[in-house]
Amino acid sequence: MIDIVFHDDGTYFYYFKKGIKHGLNLESLNAKVLNKTVTLHLPKLIFDRSKSIARLAVEDEIIFTEFD
């Protein structure tokens, strides 16, 4: 499966594990998030913070979520 990877202005990378499998479309994502400020929710683990994206939003629109 294919992961979808985002990076910030620095050196951090964040990803949707198997993003295509979850119904994400690269062209649609580019149109909605490219060069925009987004809000990411990352799972917090016991020893570290994951770089896997659990929720992605642009302004009030939720683009992707693992939350019910």
PDB file of N, CA and C in Angstrom:
ATOM      1  N   MET A   1       0.835  -1.184   0.000  1.00  0.00           N
ATOM      2  CA  MET A   1       0.000   0.000   0.000  1.00  0.00           C
ATOM      3  C   MET A   1       0.881   1.250   0.000  1.00  0.00           C
ATOM      4  N   ILE A   2       0.298   2.335  -0.416  1.00  0.00           N
ATOM      5  CA  ILE A   2       1.050   3.573  -0.583  1.00  0.00           C
ATOM      6  C   ILE A   2       0.774   4.528   0.572  1.00  0.00           C
ATOM      7  N   ASP A   3       1.845   5.033   1.177  1.00  0.00           N
ATOM      8  CA  ASP A   3       1.728   6.066   2.200  1.00  0.00           C
ATOM      9  C   ASP A   3       1.710   7.428   1.514  1.00  0.00           C
ATOM     10  N   ILE A   4       1.027   8.380   2.107  1.00  0.00           N
ATOM     11  CA  ILE A   4       1.034   9.762   1.621  1.00  0.00           C
ATOM     12  C   ILE A   4       1.811  10.569   2.646  1.00  0.00           C
ATOM     13  N   VAL A   5       2.825  11.305   2.191  1.00  0.00           N
ATOM     14  CA  VAL A   5       3.739  11.999   3.093  1.00  0.00           C
ATOM     15  C   VAL A   5       3.616  13.511   2.904  1.00  0.00           C
ATOM     16  N   PHE A   6       3.563  14.226   4.028  1.00  0.00           N
ATOM     17  CA  PHE A   6       3.583  15.686   4.060  1.00  0.00           C
ATOM     18  C   PHE A   6       4.850  16.108   4.791  1.00  0.00           C
ATOM     19  N   HIS A   7       5.350  17.297   4.479  1.00  0.00           N
ATOM     20  CA  HIS A   7       6.466  17.831   5.270  1.00  0.00           C
ATOM     21  C   HIS A   7       6.198  19.295   5.575  1.00  0.00           C
ATOM     22  N   ASP A   8       6.775  19.749   6.667  1.00  0.00           N
ATOM     23  CA  ASP A   8       6.616  21.148   7.038  1.00  0.00           C
ATOM     24  C   ASP A   8       7.750  21.965   6.434  1.00  0.00           C
ATOM     25  N   ASP A   9       7.856  23.214   6.831  1.00  0.00           N
ATOM     26  CA  ASP A   9       8.918  24.080   6.306  1.00  0.00           C
ATOM     27  C   ASP A   9      10.299  23.668   6.800  1.00  0.00           C
ATOM     28  N   GLY A  10      10.318  22.894   7.850  1.00  0.00           N
ATOM     29  CA  GLY A  10      11.589  22.442   8.414  1.00  0.00           C
ATOM     30  C   GLY A  10      11.933  21.048   7.925  1.00  0.00           C
ATOM     31  N   THR A  11      12.243  20.184   8.865  1.00  0.00           N
ATOM     32  CA  THR A  11      12.693  18.846   8.501  1.00  0.00           C
ATOM     33  C   THR A  11      11.736  17.740   8.932  1.00  0.00           C
ATOM     34  N   TYR A  12      10.555  18.102   9.431  1.00  0.00           N
ATOM     35  CA  TYR A  12       9.615  17.093   9.912  1.00  0.00           C
ATOM     36  C   TYR A  12       8.741  16.566   8.784  1.00  0.00           C
ATOM     37  N   PHE A  13       8.510  15.257   8.808  1.00  0.00           N
ATOM     38  CA  PHE A  13       7.643  14.605   7.851  1.00  0.00           C
ATOM     39  C   PHE A  13       6.507  13.923   8.598  1.00  0.00           C
ATOM     40  N   TYR A  14       5.307  13.982   8.034  1.00  0.00           N
ATOM     41  CA  TYR A  14       4.123  13.362   8.613  1.00  0.00           C
ATOM     42  C   TYR A  14       3.460  12.547   7.511  1.00  0.00           C
ATOM     43  N   TYR A  15       2.769  11.476   7.874  1.00  0.00           N
ATOM     44  CA  TYR A  15       2.233  10.623   6.816  1.00  0.00           C
ATOM     45  C   TYR A  15       0.889  10.002   7.186  1.00  0.00           C
ATOM     46  N   PHE A  16       0.153   9.630   6.136  1.00  0.00           N
ATOM     47  CA  PHE A  16      -1.031   8.790   6.240  1.00  0.00           C
ATOM     48  C   PHE A  16      -0.570   7.394   5.872  1.00  0.00           C
ATOM     49  N   LYS A  17      -0.567   6.497   6.819  1.00  0.00           N
ATOM     50  CA  LYS A  17      -0.171   5.130   6.519  1.00  0.00           C
ATOM     51  C   LYS A  17      -1.240   4.517   5.625  1.00  0.00           C
ATOM     52  N   LYS A  18      -0.809   4.031   4.475  1.00  0.00           N
ATOM     53  CA  LYS A  18      -1.717   3.432   3.495  1.00  0.00           C
ATOM     54  C   LYS A  18      -2.840   4.407   3.140  1.00  0.00           C
ATOM     55  N   GLY A  19      -2.461   5.639   2.872  1.00  0.00           N
ATOM     56  CA  GLY A  19      -3.428   6.703   2.623  1.00  0.00           C
ATOM     57  C   GLY A  19      -4.363   6.443   1.461  1.00  0.00           C
ATOM     58  N   ILE A  20      -3.867   5.871   0.386  1.00  0.00           N
ATOM     59  CA  ILE A  20      -4.705   5.591  -0.776  1.00  0.00           C
ATOM     60  C   ILE A  20      -5.780   4.567  -0.402  1.00  0.00           C
ATOM     61  N   LYS A  21      -5.416   3.597   0.419  1.00  0.00           N
ATOM     62  CA  LYS A  21      -6.370   2.578   0.864  1.00  0.00           C
ATOM     63  C   LYS A  21      -7.527   3.202   1.650  1.00  0.00           C
ATOM     64  N   HIS A  22      -7.252   4.291   2.357  1.00  0.00           N
ATOM     65  CA  HIS A  22      -8.276   4.972   3.153  1.00  0.00           C
ATOM     66  C   HIS A  22      -9.117   5.923   2.312  1.00  0.00           C
ATOM     67  N   GLY A  23      -8.948   5.897   0.998  1.00  0.00           N
ATOM     68  CA  GLY A  23      -9.774   6.702   0.111  1.00  0.00           C
ATOM     69  C   GLY A  23      -9.256   8.097  -0.162  1.00  0.00           C
ATOM     70  N   LEU A  24      -8.036   8.386   0.243  1.00  0.00           N
ATOM     71  CA  LEU A  24      -7.466   9.707  -0.031  1.00  0.00           C
ATOM     72  C   LEU A  24      -6.999   9.773  -1.479  1.00  0.00           C
ATOM     73  N   ASN A  25      -7.191  10.920  -2.100  1.00  0.00           N
ATOM     74  CA  ASN A  25      -6.827  11.131  -3.491  1.00  0.00           C
ATOM     75  C   ASN A  25      -5.760  12.221  -3.551  1.00  0.00           C
ATOM     76  N   LEU A  26      -4.649  11.945  -4.211  1.00  0.00           N
ATOM     77  CA  LEU A  26      -3.531  12.899  -4.244  1.00  0.00           C
ATOM     78  C   LEU A  26      -3.904  14.230  -4.878  1.00  0.00           C
ATOM     79  N   GLU A  27      -4.629  14.207  -5.977  1.00  0.00           N
ATOM     80  CA  GLU A  27      -5.000  15.457  -6.656  1.00  0.00           C
ATOM     81  C   GLU A  27      -5.916  16.297  -5.770  1.00  0.00           C
ATOM     82  N   SER A  28      -6.869  15.654  -5.123  1.00  0.00           N
ATOM     83  CA  SER A  28      -7.790  16.359  -4.231  1.00  0.00           C
ATOM     84  C   SER A  28      -7.043  16.935  -3.025  1.00  0.00           C
ATOM     85  N   LEU A  29      -6.141  16.148  -2.436  1.00  0.00           N
ATOM     86  CA  LEU A  29      -5.351  16.633  -1.304  1.00  0.00           C
ATOM     87  C   LEU A  29      -4.502  17.834  -1.693  1.00  0.00           C
ATOM     88  N   ASN A  30      -3.851  17.759  -2.841  1.00  0.00           N
ATOM     89  CA  ASN A  30      -3.032  18.882  -3.303  1.00  0.00           C
ATOM     90  C   ASN A  30      -3.865  20.151  -3.421  1.00  0.00           C
ATOM     91  N   ALA A  31      -5.051  20.032  -4.009  1.00  0.00           N
ATOM     92  CA  ALA A  31      -5.913  21.201  -4.190  1.00  0.00           C
ATOM     93  C   ALA A  31      -6.361  21.787  -2.857  1.00  0.00           C
ATOM     94  N   LYS A  32      -6.580  20.936  -1.859  1.00  0.00           N
ATOM     95  CA  LYS A  32      -7.103  21.402  -0.581  1.00  0.00           C
ATOM     96  C   LYS A  32      -6.038  21.881   0.399  1.00  0.00           C
ATOM     97  N   VAL A  33      -4.810  21.332   0.331  1.00  0.00           N
ATOM     98  CA  VAL A  33      -3.832  21.640   1.379  1.00  0.00           C
ATOM     99  C   VAL A  33      -2.536  22.291   0.915  1.00  0.00           C
ATOM    100  N   LEU A  34      -2.221  22.238  -0.353  1.00  0.00           N
ATOM    101  CA  LEU A  34      -0.945  22.772  -0.832  1.00  0.00           C
ATOM    102  C   LEU A  34      -0.820  24.255  -0.516  1.00  0.00           C
ATOM    103  N   ASN A  35       0.256  24.613   0.162  1.00  0.00           N
ATOM    104  CA  ASN A  35       0.573  25.993   0.549  1.00  0.00           C
ATOM    105  C   ASN A  35      -0.457  26.605   1.501  1.00  0.00           C
ATOM    106  N   LYS A  36      -1.137  25.765   2.279  1.00  0.00           N
ATOM    107  CA  LYS A  36      -2.105  26.242   3.262  1.00  0.00           C
ATOM    108  C   LYS A  36      -1.682  25.766   4.647  1.00  0.00           C
ATOM    109  N   THR A  37      -2.165  26.447   5.659  1.00  0.00           N
ATOM    110  CA  THR A  37      -1.932  26.020   7.035  1.00  0.00           C
ATOM    111  C   THR A  37      -2.956  24.950   7.372  1.00  0.00           C
ATOM    112  N   VAL A  38      -2.471  23.825   7.878  1.00  0.00           N
ATOM    113  CA  VAL A  38      -3.351  22.720   8.243  1.00  0.00           C
ATOM    114  C   VAL A  38      -3.215  22.421   9.722  1.00  0.00           C
ATOM    115  N   THR A  39      -4.207  21.732  10.262  1.00  0.00           N
ATOM    116  CA  THR A  39      -4.165  21.263  11.638  1.00  0.00           C
ATOM    117  C   THR A  39      -4.028  19.761  11.612  1.00  0.00           C
ATOM    118  N   LEU A  40      -2.990  19.252  12.280  1.00  0.00           N
ATOM    119  CA  LEU A  40      -2.753  17.811  12.352  1.00  0.00           C
ATOM    120  C   LEU A  40      -2.995  17.328  13.769  1.00  0.00           C
ATOM    121  N   HIS A  41      -3.583  16.165  13.877  1.00  0.00           N
ATOM    122  CA  HIS A  41      -3.689  15.470  15.156  1.00  0.00           C
ATOM    123  C   HIS A  41      -2.857  14.207  15.018  1.00  0.00           C
ATOM    124  N   LEU A  42      -1.883  14.042  15.904  1.00  0.00           N
ATOM    125  CA  LEU A  42      -0.981  12.895  15.863  1.00  0.00           C
ATOM    126  C   LEU A  42      -1.203  12.030  17.091  1.00  0.00           C
ATOM    127  N   PRO A  43      -1.189  10.703  16.930  1.00  0.00           N
ATOM    128  CA  PRO A  43      -1.334   9.832  18.106  1.00  0.00           C
ATOM    129  C   PRO A  43      -0.172  10.045  19.068  1.00  0.00           C
ATOM    130  N   LYS A  44      -0.475  10.100  20.347  1.00  0.00           N
ATOM    131  CA  LYS A  44       0.563  10.230  21.358  1.00  0.00           C
ATOM    132  C   LYS A  44       0.851   8.839  21.920  1.00  0.00           C
ATOM    133  N   LEU A  45       2.077   8.425  21.818  1.00  0.00           N
ATOM    134  CA  LEU A  45       2.485   7.124  22.299  1.00  0.00           C
ATOM    135  C   LEU A  45       3.196   7.277  23.643  1.00  0.00           C
ATOM    136  N   ILE A  46       3.405   6.195  24.338  1.00  0.00           N
ATOM    137  CA  ILE A  46       4.026   6.234  25.664  1.00  0.00           C
ATOM    138  C   ILE A  46       5.411   6.877  25.629  1.00  0.00           C
ATOM    139  N   PHE A  47       6.241   6.495  24.685  1.00  0.00           N
ATOM    140  CA  PHE A  47       7.627   6.968  24.662  1.00  0.00           C
ATOM    141  C   PHE A  47       7.897   8.070  23.655  1.00  0.00           C
ATOM    142  N   ASP A  48       7.015   8.250  22.707  1.00  0.00           N
ATOM    143  CA  ASP A  48       7.291   9.194  21.634  1.00  0.00           C
ATOM    144  C   ASP A  48       5.979   9.623  21.007  1.00  0.00           C
ATOM    145  N   ARG A  49       6.038  10.580  20.145  1.00  0.00           N
ATOM    146  CA  ARG A  49       4.865  11.006  19.395  1.00  0.00           C
ATOM    147  C   ARG A  49       5.015  10.470  17.970  1.00  0.00           C
ATOM    148  N   SER A  50       3.981   9.810  17.514  1.00  0.00           N
ATOM    149  CA  SER A  50       3.986   9.237  16.177  1.00  0.00           C
ATOM    150  C   SER A  50       3.951  10.344  15.132  1.00  0.00           C
ATOM    151  N   LYS A  51       4.465  10.097  13.980  1.00  0.00           N
ATOM    152  CA  LYS A  51       4.382  11.027  12.856  1.00  0.00           C
ATOM    153  C   LYS A  51       3.250  10.627  11.907  1.00  0.00           C
ATOM    154  N   SER A  52       2.488   9.607  12.296  1.00  0.00           N
ATOM    155  CA  SER A  52       1.340   9.174  11.520  1.00  0.00           C
ATOM    156  C   SER A  52       0.166  10.104  11.816  1.00  0.00           C
ATOM    157  N   ILE A  53      -0.512  10.574  10.777  1.00  0.00           N
ATOM    158  CA  ILE A  53      -1.596  11.534  10.928  1.00  0.00           C
ATOM    159  C   ILE A  53      -2.893  10.815  11.286  1.00  0.00           C
ATOM    160  N   ALA A  54      -3.525  11.221  12.383  1.00  0.00           N
ATOM    161  CA  ALA A  54      -4.817  10.662  12.770  1.00  0.00           C
ATOM    162  C   ALA A  54      -5.965  11.552  12.279  1.00  0.00           C
ATOM    163  N   ARG A  55      -5.709  12.851  12.167  1.00  0.00           N
ATOM    164  CA  ARG A  55      -6.711  13.773  11.631  1.00  0.00           C
ATOM    165  C   ARG A  55      -6.013  14.941  10.949  1.00  0.00           C
ATOM    166  N   LEU A  56      -6.576  15.360   9.817  1.00  0.00           N
ATOM    167  CA  LEU A  56      -6.063  16.500   9.052  1.00  0.00           C
ATOM    168  C   LEU A  56      -7.236  17.424   8.754  1.00  0.00           C
ATOM    169  N   ALA A  57      -7.075  18.704   9.075  1.00  0.00           N
ATOM    170  CA  ALA A  57      -8.118  19.692   8.798  1.00  0.00           C
ATOM    171  C   ALA A  57      -7.506  20.951   8.216  1.00  0.00           C
ATOM    172  N   VAL A  58      -8.270  21.608   7.354  1.00  0.00           N
ATOM    173  CA  VAL A  58      -7.918  22.919   6.819  1.00  0.00           C
ATOM    174  C   VAL A  58      -9.069  23.835   7.207  1.00  0.00           C
ATOM    175  N   GLU A  59      -8.766  24.831   8.016  1.00  0.00           N
ATOM    176  CA  GLU A  59      -9.782  25.709   8.606  1.00  0.00           C
ATOM    177  C   GLU A  59     -10.810  24.838   9.317  1.00  0.00           C
ATOM    178  N   ASP A  60     -12.081  24.866   8.934  1.00  0.00           N
ATOM    179  CA  ASP A  60     -13.121  24.083   9.599  1.00  0.00           C
ATOM    180  C   ASP A  60     -13.427  22.772   8.882  1.00  0.00           C
ATOM    181  N   GLU A  61     -12.763  22.502   7.762  1.00  0.00           N
ATOM    182  CA  GLU A  61     -13.042  21.290   6.993  1.00  0.00           C
ATOM    183  C   GLU A  61     -12.099  20.159   7.405  1.00  0.00           C
ATOM    184  N   ILE A  62     -12.673  19.048   7.833  1.00  0.00           N
ATOM    185  CA  ILE A  62     -11.877  17.864   8.155  1.00  0.00           C
ATOM    186  C   ILE A  62     -11.663  17.086   6.863  1.00  0.00           C
ATOM    187  N   ILE A  63     -10.404  16.938   6.479  1.00  0.00           N
ATOM    188  CA  ILE A  63     -10.045  16.248   5.246  1.00  0.00           C
ATOM    189  C   ILE A  63      -9.954  14.742   5.484  1.00  0.00           C
ATOM    190  N   PHE A  64      -9.410  14.381   6.635  1.00  0.00           N
ATOM    191  CA  PHE A  64      -9.242  12.977   6.983  1.00  0.00           C
ATOM    192  C   PHE A  64      -9.319  12.830   8.496  1.00  0.00           C
ATOM    193  N   THR A  65      -9.928  11.744   8.951  1.00  0.00           N
ATOM    194  CA  THR A  65      -9.942  11.448  10.384  1.00  0.00           C
ATOM    195  C   THR A  65     -10.028   9.948  10.620  1.00  0.00           C
ATOM    196  N   GLU A  66      -9.349   9.518  11.676  1.00  0.00           N
ATOM    197  CA  GLU A  66      -9.457   8.147  12.143  1.00  0.00           C
ATOM    198  C   GLU A  66     -10.442   8.079  13.314  1.00  0.00           C
ATOM    199  N   PHE A  67     -10.879   9.250  13.796  1.00  0.00           N
ATOM    200  CA  PHE A  67     -11.792   9.319  14.936  1.00  0.00           C
ATOM    201  C   PHE A  67     -13.221   9.100  14.468  1.00  0.00           C
ATOM    202  N   ASP A  68     -14.016   8.467  15.286  1.00  0.00           N
ATOM    203  CA  ASP A  68     -15.436   8.268  14.949  1.00  0.00           C
ATOM    204  C   ASP A  68     -16.276   9.408  15.437  1.00  0.00           C
TER     205      ASP A  68
END
